Amino acid sequence: MNYSASKTRVKEKIRYDVDAHRQKNKQILLNSRRGVKVEKEDKELTTEDLQNMALEIKRGKKITVKQLKLLQNAFLDYLDFTVLFYNTPGAVDSLLHLASSKNEELQLAAIECFVNMGLGEKKICFKLTKLIAPYLMMYINHLNFNISARSIWTLGNLSDSSPGACKLLQNQNFFGALIDRLENSTCDQVIYDTFYTLKLFLKNYLQHLPIDDLNKLLHVCYKRLDTWRESFWIVYQISCFQDSGLKDSDCIYNLFDALTEDIIDITCLVPILRTFGNIIAKDSTDNSAHKFLHRLPHGEGSIIRDILINNSNYDLSDECAWLLGNAFKAIKMSEVITNKTNAFEKICGYFLL
């Protein structure tokens, strides 16, 4: 992956949860996206500064938290710094030693350097995964929630680099560890970072994961639907798996039950509509379509229409039309139209505002 491609991948991450049009605050939002608080410094690192710091880290000289924060910002601002640092013999190994420090403040600062190194070139990320993943896997359950969260975030960035990096992580039961954190963690930051990492990991490795593990994640997400909007995106990603078996679960009912005004907004309506469409399309029977059309106009289902009305500036006509097309095809809508003259128009009018 060349510099241009790496830069594109960073921009794609920004679009995950920030408004791409807020150019004025782009750098601040980007750092927030990484979970990194940047302190303003009087000067920025030059290439020579970075080489000197890499040599200092390699030689075991005393490195301060302030220096590491400057280094992590440099990795984010200048992607070629990651290559330069990695190619300094012994520098990465020594930084990893700092990431295992008993001084948790220093340890956290070192891990945050790896967070941003994980945004670099594909080949560098693959090599980093081989080197640091076994160590960071040990910190996923760390009692210090910040260390746990940043370790998960780092591995998420690495998993986004390639399916090969995902395979290395999965060889260490990475997916199972993420499910455990999502199910059992009591820290909001850890939960949020786990959702972030799962989204990236599933994007590259969904088709290689066992269906039983995916369904386990699915049921964990059901429990989080009423408190975490990110759950809907994970459910949607799983529904894209050809053999997910979602039609045999109560996914449609779980999604409808989660439709409350306190949690549902336009951002999670998109994955909800797409998930409904996937479930119905993959169901060889008409059961899913009937469940959907039966619940749609009643109770919680009406919230979907209210959100569409209140957010008319968002164009979700493609999602709505695709979903309705799948539903009508599944239940042979021509027969419904024959028996109930206004059924087709009424259902279409519910979505296509």
Protein backbone atom coordinates (compact mmCIF):
# COMPACT_ATOMS: atom_id res chain seq x y z
CA MET A 1 0.00 0.00 0.00
CA ASN A 2 1.54 3.34 -1.03
CA TYR A 3 1.30 6.66 0.78
CA SER A 4 -1.74 7.77 -1.19
CA ALA A 5 -3.62 4.56 -0.44
CA SER A 6 -2.77 4.84 3.26
CA LYS A 7 -4.08 8.39 3.33
CA THR A 8 -7.31 7.25 1.70
CA ARG A 9 -7.77 4.56 4.35
CA VAL A 10 -7.38 7.13 7.12
CA LYS A 11 -10.07 9.31 5.51
CA GLU A 12 -12.40 6.33 5.27
CA LYS A 13 -12.09 5.83 9.02
CA ILE A 14 -13.04 9.46 9.64
CA ARG A 15 -16.27 9.00 7.69
CA TYR A 16 -17.27 6.19 10.06
CA ASP A 17 -18.56 8.51 12.78
CA VAL A 18 -17.84 12.14 11.88
CA ASP A 19 -19.33 14.50 9.35
CA ALA A 20 -16.88 14.58 6.46
CA HIS A 21 -17.97 18.09 5.59
CA ARG A 22 -16.70 19.60 8.83
CA GLN A 23 -13.36 20.44 7.27
CA LYS A 24 -12.66 23.20 9.71
CA ASN A 25 -12.43 20.76 12.63
CA LYS A 26 -11.14 17.85 10.62
CA GLN A 27 -7.89 17.27 12.51
CA ILE A 28 -9.55 17.57 15.93
CA LEU A 29 -12.25 15.11 14.92
CA LEU A 30 -9.74 12.72 13.42
CA ASN A 31 -7.82 12.56 16.67
CA SER A 32 -11.07 12.09 18.56
CA ARG A 33 -11.91 9.27 16.17
CA ARG A 34 -8.71 7.56 17.28
CA GLY A 35 -9.53 8.14 20.92
CA VAL A 36 -6.43 10.33 21.25
CA LYS A 37 -6.26 13.65 23.04
CA VAL A 38 -3.62 15.81 21.40
CA GLU A 39 -1.77 18.38 23.45
CA LYS A 40 -0.46 21.37 21.57
CA GLU A 41 3.30 21.44 21.38
CA ASP A 42 5.64 24.29 20.57
CA LYS A 43 7.23 22.31 17.78
CA GLU A 44 6.54 19.33 15.57
CA LEU A 45 8.82 16.39 14.95
CA THR A 46 11.06 16.54 11.92
CA THR A 47 12.47 13.46 10.22
CA GLU A 48 15.72 14.01 12.08
CA ASP A 49 13.86 14.33 15.40
CA LEU A 50 12.08 11.06 14.74
CA GLN A 51 15.29 9.24 13.89
CA ASN A 52 16.89 10.52 17.07
CA MET A 53 13.92 9.49 19.17
CA ALA A 54 13.86 6.05 17.56
CA LEU A 55 17.52 5.65 18.44
CA GLU A 56 16.92 6.84 22.01
CA ILE A 57 14.09 4.34 22.44
CA LYS A 58 16.25 1.60 20.94
CA ARG A 59 19.14 2.36 23.29
CA GLY A 60 16.88 2.23 26.32
CA LYS A 61 17.27 5.86 27.26
CA LYS A 62 14.67 7.31 29.59
CA ILE A 63 11.66 8.32 27.50
CA THR A 64 8.96 10.58 28.92
CA VAL A 65 5.21 10.40 28.41
CA LYS A 66 5.40 13.82 26.76
CA GLN A 67 7.87 12.52 24.18
CA LEU A 68 5.68 9.52 23.41
CA LYS A 69 2.63 11.73 22.92
CA LEU A 70 4.64 13.83 20.48
CA LEU A 71 5.64 10.64 18.70
CA GLN A 72 2.09 9.32 18.46
CA ASN A 73 0.92 12.61 16.92
CA ALA A 74 3.75 12.42 14.40
CA PHE A 75 2.62 8.94 13.33
CA LEU A 76 -0.85 10.33 12.72
CA ASP A 77 0.19 13.50 10.92
CA TYR A 78 2.93 11.99 8.75
CA LEU A 79 2.29 8.44 7.60
CA ASP A 80 5.79 8.02 6.23
CA PHE A 81 7.10 8.41 9.81
CA THR A 82 5.68 4.97 10.57
CA VAL A 83 7.84 3.40 7.86
CA LEU A 84 10.90 5.33 9.01
CA PHE A 85 10.40 4.32 12.64
CA TYR A 86 9.70 0.69 11.77
CA ASN A 87 12.82 0.48 9.63
CA THR A 88 15.01 1.68 12.49
CA PRO A 89 16.41 -1.63 13.81
CA GLY A 90 15.24 -2.35 17.36
CA ALA A 91 12.98 0.71 17.66
CA VAL A 92 9.66 -1.17 17.49
CA ASP A 93 10.89 -3.86 19.88
CA SER A 94 11.93 -1.20 22.38
CA LEU A 95 8.62 0.65 22.01
CA LEU A 96 6.85 -2.65 22.67
CA HIS A 97 8.97 -2.99 25.82
CA LEU A 98 7.64 0.41 26.93
CA ALA A 99 4.12 -0.84 26.17
CA SER A 100 4.75 -3.53 28.79
CA SER A 101 6.01 -1.09 31.41
CA LYS A 102 4.83 -1.30 35.02
CA ASN A 103 4.35 2.46 34.82
CA GLU A 104 0.80 2.47 33.45
CA GLU A 105 0.95 6.07 32.25
CA LEU A 106 4.06 5.29 30.21
CA GLN A 107 2.56 1.99 29.08
CA LEU A 108 -0.60 3.71 27.84
CA ALA A 109 1.37 6.36 25.95
CA ALA A 110 3.42 3.65 24.21
CA ILE A 111 0.29 1.70 23.24
CA GLU A 112 -1.22 4.87 21.80
CA CYS A 113 1.81 5.13 19.54
CA PHE A 114 0.89 1.71 18.16
CA VAL A 115 -2.71 2.92 17.71
CA ASN A 116 -1.51 5.37 15.09
CA MET A 117 1.15 3.10 13.63
CA GLY A 118 -1.74 0.74 12.87
CA LEU A 119 -2.95 3.23 10.27
CA GLY A 120 0.14 2.83 8.12
CA GLU A 121 0.99 0.77 5.09
CA LYS A 122 -0.45 -2.71 4.66
CA LYS A 123 2.91 -4.48 4.82
CA ILE A 124 3.97 -2.58 7.92
CA CYS A 125 0.65 -3.33 9.62
CA PHE A 126 0.99 -7.04 8.85
CA LYS A 127 4.47 -7.11 10.37
CA LEU A 128 3.29 -5.12 13.36
CA THR A 129 0.43 -7.55 13.89
CA LYS A 130 2.83 -10.48 14.03
CA LEU A 131 5.02 -8.66 16.52
CA ILE A 132 2.69 -6.87 18.91
CA ALA A 133 -0.63 -8.76 18.78
CA PRO A 134 0.40 -11.46 21.31
CA TYR A 135 1.26 -8.74 23.83
CA LEU A 136 -1.80 -6.56 23.28
CA MET A 137 -4.07 -9.60 23.44
CA MET A 138 -2.94 -9.98 27.07
CA TYR A 139 -4.11 -6.44 27.83
CA ILE A 140 -7.63 -6.76 26.44
CA ASN A 141 -8.85 -7.71 29.91
CA HIS A 142 -6.53 -5.30 31.74
CA LEU A 143 -7.90 -3.87 35.00
CA ASN A 144 -6.92 -0.42 33.74
CA PHE A 145 -9.79 0.31 31.37
CA ASN A 146 -7.76 2.83 29.36
CA ILE A 147 -5.09 0.24 28.60
CA SER A 148 -7.75 -2.32 27.73
CA ALA A 149 -9.59 0.09 25.42
CA ARG A 150 -6.46 1.31 23.62
CA SER A 151 -5.22 -2.24 23.11
CA ILE A 152 -8.53 -3.20 21.52
CA TRP A 153 -8.48 -0.05 19.36
CA THR A 154 -4.94 -0.76 18.17
CA LEU A 155 -5.82 -4.31 17.16
CA GLY A 156 -8.89 -2.93 15.39
CA ASN A 157 -6.76 -0.60 13.29
CA LEU A 158 -4.43 -3.47 12.43
CA SER A 159 -7.37 -5.73 11.48
CA ASP A 160 -8.54 -3.06 9.06
CA SER A 161 -5.29 -3.28 7.11
CA SER A 162 -5.83 -6.69 5.49
CA PRO A 163 -7.50 -10.12 5.79
CA GLY A 164 -4.02 -11.49 6.47
CA ALA A 165 -3.72 -9.40 9.62
CA CYS A 166 -7.19 -10.58 10.65
CA LYS A 167 -6.12 -14.19 10.21
CA LEU A 168 -3.12 -13.66 12.47
CA LEU A 169 -5.38 -12.15 15.10
CA GLN A 170 -7.98 -14.88 14.80
CA ASN A 171 -5.30 -17.52 15.33
CA GLN A 172 -5.14 -16.07 18.84
CA ASN A 173 -8.93 -16.20 19.31
CA PHE A 174 -9.29 -12.46 18.81
CA PHE A 175 -12.96 -12.67 17.80
CA GLY A 176 -13.85 -14.64 20.91
CA ALA A 177 -12.05 -12.09 23.09
CA LEU A 178 -14.02 -9.25 21.50
CA ILE A 179 -17.32 -11.03 22.10
CA ASP A 180 -16.35 -11.51 25.72
CA ARG A 181 -15.54 -7.81 26.16
CA LEU A 182 -18.78 -6.76 24.50
CA GLU A 183 -20.78 -9.09 26.71
CA ASN A 184 -19.04 -8.62 30.05
CA SER A 185 -17.29 -5.26 30.17
CA THR A 186 -18.77 -2.62 32.45
CA CYS A 187 -16.73 0.24 30.96
CA ASP A 188 -18.39 2.37 28.27
CA GLN A 189 -15.08 3.19 26.61
CA VAL A 190 -14.11 -0.47 26.34
CA ILE A 191 -17.54 -1.32 24.91
CA TYR A 192 -17.36 1.50 22.37
CA ASP A 193 -13.85 0.57 21.25
CA THR A 194 -14.94 -3.07 20.96
CA PHE A 195 -17.78 -2.09 18.65
CA TYR A 196 -15.33 -0.05 16.56
CA THR A 197 -12.93 -2.98 16.31
CA LEU A 198 -15.66 -5.52 15.54
CA LYS A 199 -16.90 -3.39 12.65
CA LEU A 200 -13.42 -3.28 11.07
CA PHE A 201 -12.67 -6.95 11.78
CA LEU A 202 -15.98 -8.15 10.31
CA LYS A 203 -15.47 -6.01 7.22
CA ASN A 204 -12.34 -7.95 6.32
CA TYR A 205 -12.96 -11.36 7.85
CA LEU A 206 -16.71 -12.02 8.12
CA GLN A 207 -16.79 -14.88 5.64
CA HIS A 208 -14.08 -16.80 7.50
CA LEU A 209 -15.76 -16.84 10.90
CA PRO A 210 -17.75 -19.84 12.22
CA ILE A 211 -21.50 -19.40 12.08
CA ASP A 212 -21.84 -20.42 15.74
CA ASP A 213 -19.51 -17.60 16.81
CA LEU A 214 -21.37 -15.10 14.64
CA ASN A 215 -24.68 -16.10 16.17
CA LYS A 216 -23.16 -15.77 19.64
CA LEU A 217 -22.12 -12.21 18.77
CA LEU A 218 -25.58 -11.63 17.35
CA HIS A 219 -27.28 -12.52 20.63
CA VAL A 220 -24.83 -10.36 22.59
CA CYS A 221 -25.74 -7.45 20.31
CA TYR A 222 -29.45 -8.06 20.95
CA LYS A 223 -28.78 -7.35 24.62
CA ARG A 224 -27.09 -4.06 23.71
CA LEU A 225 -29.68 -2.82 21.20
CA ASP A 226 -31.55 -0.67 23.70
CA THR A 227 -28.42 1.16 24.88
CA TRP A 228 -25.87 1.11 22.05
CA ARG A 229 -26.66 2.29 18.52
CA GLU A 230 -23.49 0.61 17.29
CA SER A 231 -25.19 -2.75 17.88
CA PHE A 232 -27.42 -2.24 14.86
CA TRP A 233 -24.41 -1.93 12.55
CA ILE A 234 -22.91 -5.18 13.82
CA VAL A 235 -26.23 -6.99 13.37
CA TYR A 236 -26.38 -5.62 9.82
CA GLN A 237 -22.86 -6.82 9.02
CA ILE A 238 -23.70 -10.31 10.28
CA SER A 239 -26.86 -10.30 8.16
CA CYS A 240 -24.64 -9.87 5.08
CA PHE A 241 -23.14 -13.32 5.69
CA GLN A 242 -24.70 -15.68 3.18
CA ASP A 243 -25.18 -18.53 5.64
CA SER A 244 -25.83 -16.47 8.76
CA GLY A 245 -29.05 -18.30 9.62
CA LEU A 246 -30.70 -15.06 10.75
CA LYS A 247 -34.00 -16.18 9.27
CA ASP A 248 -34.10 -18.94 11.87
CA SER A 249 -33.63 -16.51 14.73
CA ASP A 250 -35.93 -13.87 16.13
CA CYS A 251 -33.87 -11.09 14.60
CA ILE A 252 -36.85 -9.23 13.12
CA TYR A 253 -38.70 -9.31 16.44
CA ASN A 254 -35.58 -8.20 18.32
CA LEU A 255 -35.10 -5.26 15.98
CA PHE A 256 -38.74 -4.17 16.27
CA ASP A 257 -38.63 -4.51 20.06
CA ALA A 258 -35.60 -2.19 20.10
CA LEU A 259 -37.42 0.56 18.19
CA THR A 260 -37.80 3.16 20.91
CA GLU A 261 -37.58 6.91 20.61
CA ASP A 262 -34.78 6.97 23.18
CA ILE A 263 -32.32 4.96 21.08
CA ILE A 264 -33.42 5.02 17.42
CA ASP A 265 -32.41 7.89 15.15
CA ILE A 266 -31.51 8.33 11.51
CA THR A 267 -27.99 6.96 12.00
CA CYS A 268 -29.17 3.53 13.11
CA LEU A 269 -32.25 3.45 10.88
CA VAL A 270 -29.97 2.76 7.90
CA PRO A 271 -28.58 -0.56 9.26
CA ILE A 272 -32.06 -1.52 10.50
CA LEU A 273 -33.60 -1.17 7.04
CA ARG A 274 -30.69 -3.01 5.42
CA THR A 275 -30.87 -5.83 7.96
CA PHE A 276 -34.59 -6.29 7.35
CA GLY A 277 -33.87 -6.46 3.62
CA ASN A 278 -31.10 -9.03 4.05
CA ILE A 279 -33.15 -11.30 6.30
CA ILE A 280 -36.14 -11.30 3.97
CA ALA A 281 -33.99 -11.82 0.86
CA LYS A 282 -32.27 -14.88 2.33
CA ASP A 283 -35.41 -16.53 3.70
CA SER A 284 -36.61 -19.22 1.31
CA THR A 285 -39.99 -19.14 3.05
CA ASP A 286 -42.25 -16.10 3.36
CA ASN A 287 -42.12 -16.09 7.17
CA SER A 288 -39.69 -13.20 7.54
CA ALA A 289 -41.60 -11.00 5.10
CA HIS A 290 -44.89 -11.66 6.91
CA LYS A 291 -43.29 -10.91 10.30
CA PHE A 292 -41.94 -7.65 8.95
CA LEU A 293 -45.11 -6.46 7.21
CA HIS A 294 -47.25 -7.44 10.17
CA ARG A 295 -45.23 -5.49 12.73
CA LEU A 296 -44.42 -2.50 10.52
CA PRO A 297 -47.62 -0.39 10.88
CA HIS A 298 -48.15 -1.10 14.58
CA GLY A 299 -46.58 0.08 17.83
CA GLU A 300 -42.82 0.36 17.58
CA GLY A 301 -42.88 0.04 13.80
CA SER A 302 -44.45 3.48 13.40
CA ILE A 303 -41.26 5.00 14.79
CA ILE A 304 -39.58 4.15 11.48
CA ARG A 305 -42.02 6.33 9.60
CA ASP A 306 -41.69 9.17 12.11
CA ILE A 307 -37.91 9.19 11.72
CA LEU A 308 -38.20 9.22 7.92
CA ILE A 309 -40.63 12.15 8.09
CA ASN A 310 -38.49 14.13 10.55
CA ASN A 311 -35.33 13.56 8.49
CA SER A 312 -36.63 14.19 5.01
CA ASN A 313 -33.29 15.72 4.03
CA TYR A 314 -31.72 12.24 4.23
CA ASP A 315 -32.37 10.19 1.12
CA LEU A 316 -33.10 6.61 2.16
CA SER A 317 -35.33 5.88 -0.80
CA ASP A 318 -32.93 3.24 -2.14
CA GLU A 319 -32.90 1.34 1.16
CA CYS A 320 -36.69 1.59 1.48
CA ALA A 321 -37.39 0.52 -2.11
CA TRP A 322 -34.96 -2.42 -1.88
CA LEU A 323 -36.49 -3.59 1.39
CA LEU A 324 -40.06 -3.37 0.10
CA GLY A 325 -39.07 -5.07 -3.14
CA ASN A 326 -37.67 -8.03 -1.20
CA ALA A 327 -40.78 -8.20 0.98
CA PHE A 328 -43.22 -8.03 -1.93
CA LYS A 329 -41.30 -10.63 -3.88
CA ALA A 330 -41.24 -12.99 -0.90
CA ILE A 331 -45.01 -12.93 -0.31
CA LYS A 332 -46.02 -12.73 -3.99
CA MET A 333 -47.46 -9.24 -3.73
CA SER A 334 -49.49 -9.63 -6.90
CA GLU A 335 -51.87 -11.90 -4.97
CA VAL A 336 -52.15 -9.38 -2.14
CA ILE A 337 -52.96 -6.60 -4.56
CA THR A 338 -55.70 -8.72 -6.10
CA ASN A 339 -57.33 -9.42 -2.76
CA LYS A 340 -56.71 -6.07 -1.05
CA THR A 341 -56.77 -3.20 -3.49
CA ASN A 342 -55.09 -0.58 -1.33
CA ALA A 343 -52.50 -2.82 0.37
CA PHE A 344 -49.67 -2.12 -2.05
CA GLU A 345 -50.17 1.66 -2.05
CA LYS A 346 -50.54 1.78 1.73
CA ILE A 347 -47.35 -0.13 2.46
CA CYS A 348 -45.35 1.79 -0.16
CA GLY A 349 -46.66 5.07 1.20
CA TYR A 350 -45.41 4.11 4.62
CA PHE A 351 -41.81 4.16 3.41
CA LEU A 352 -41.58 6.14 0.19
CA LEU A 353 -42.46 9.59 1.53
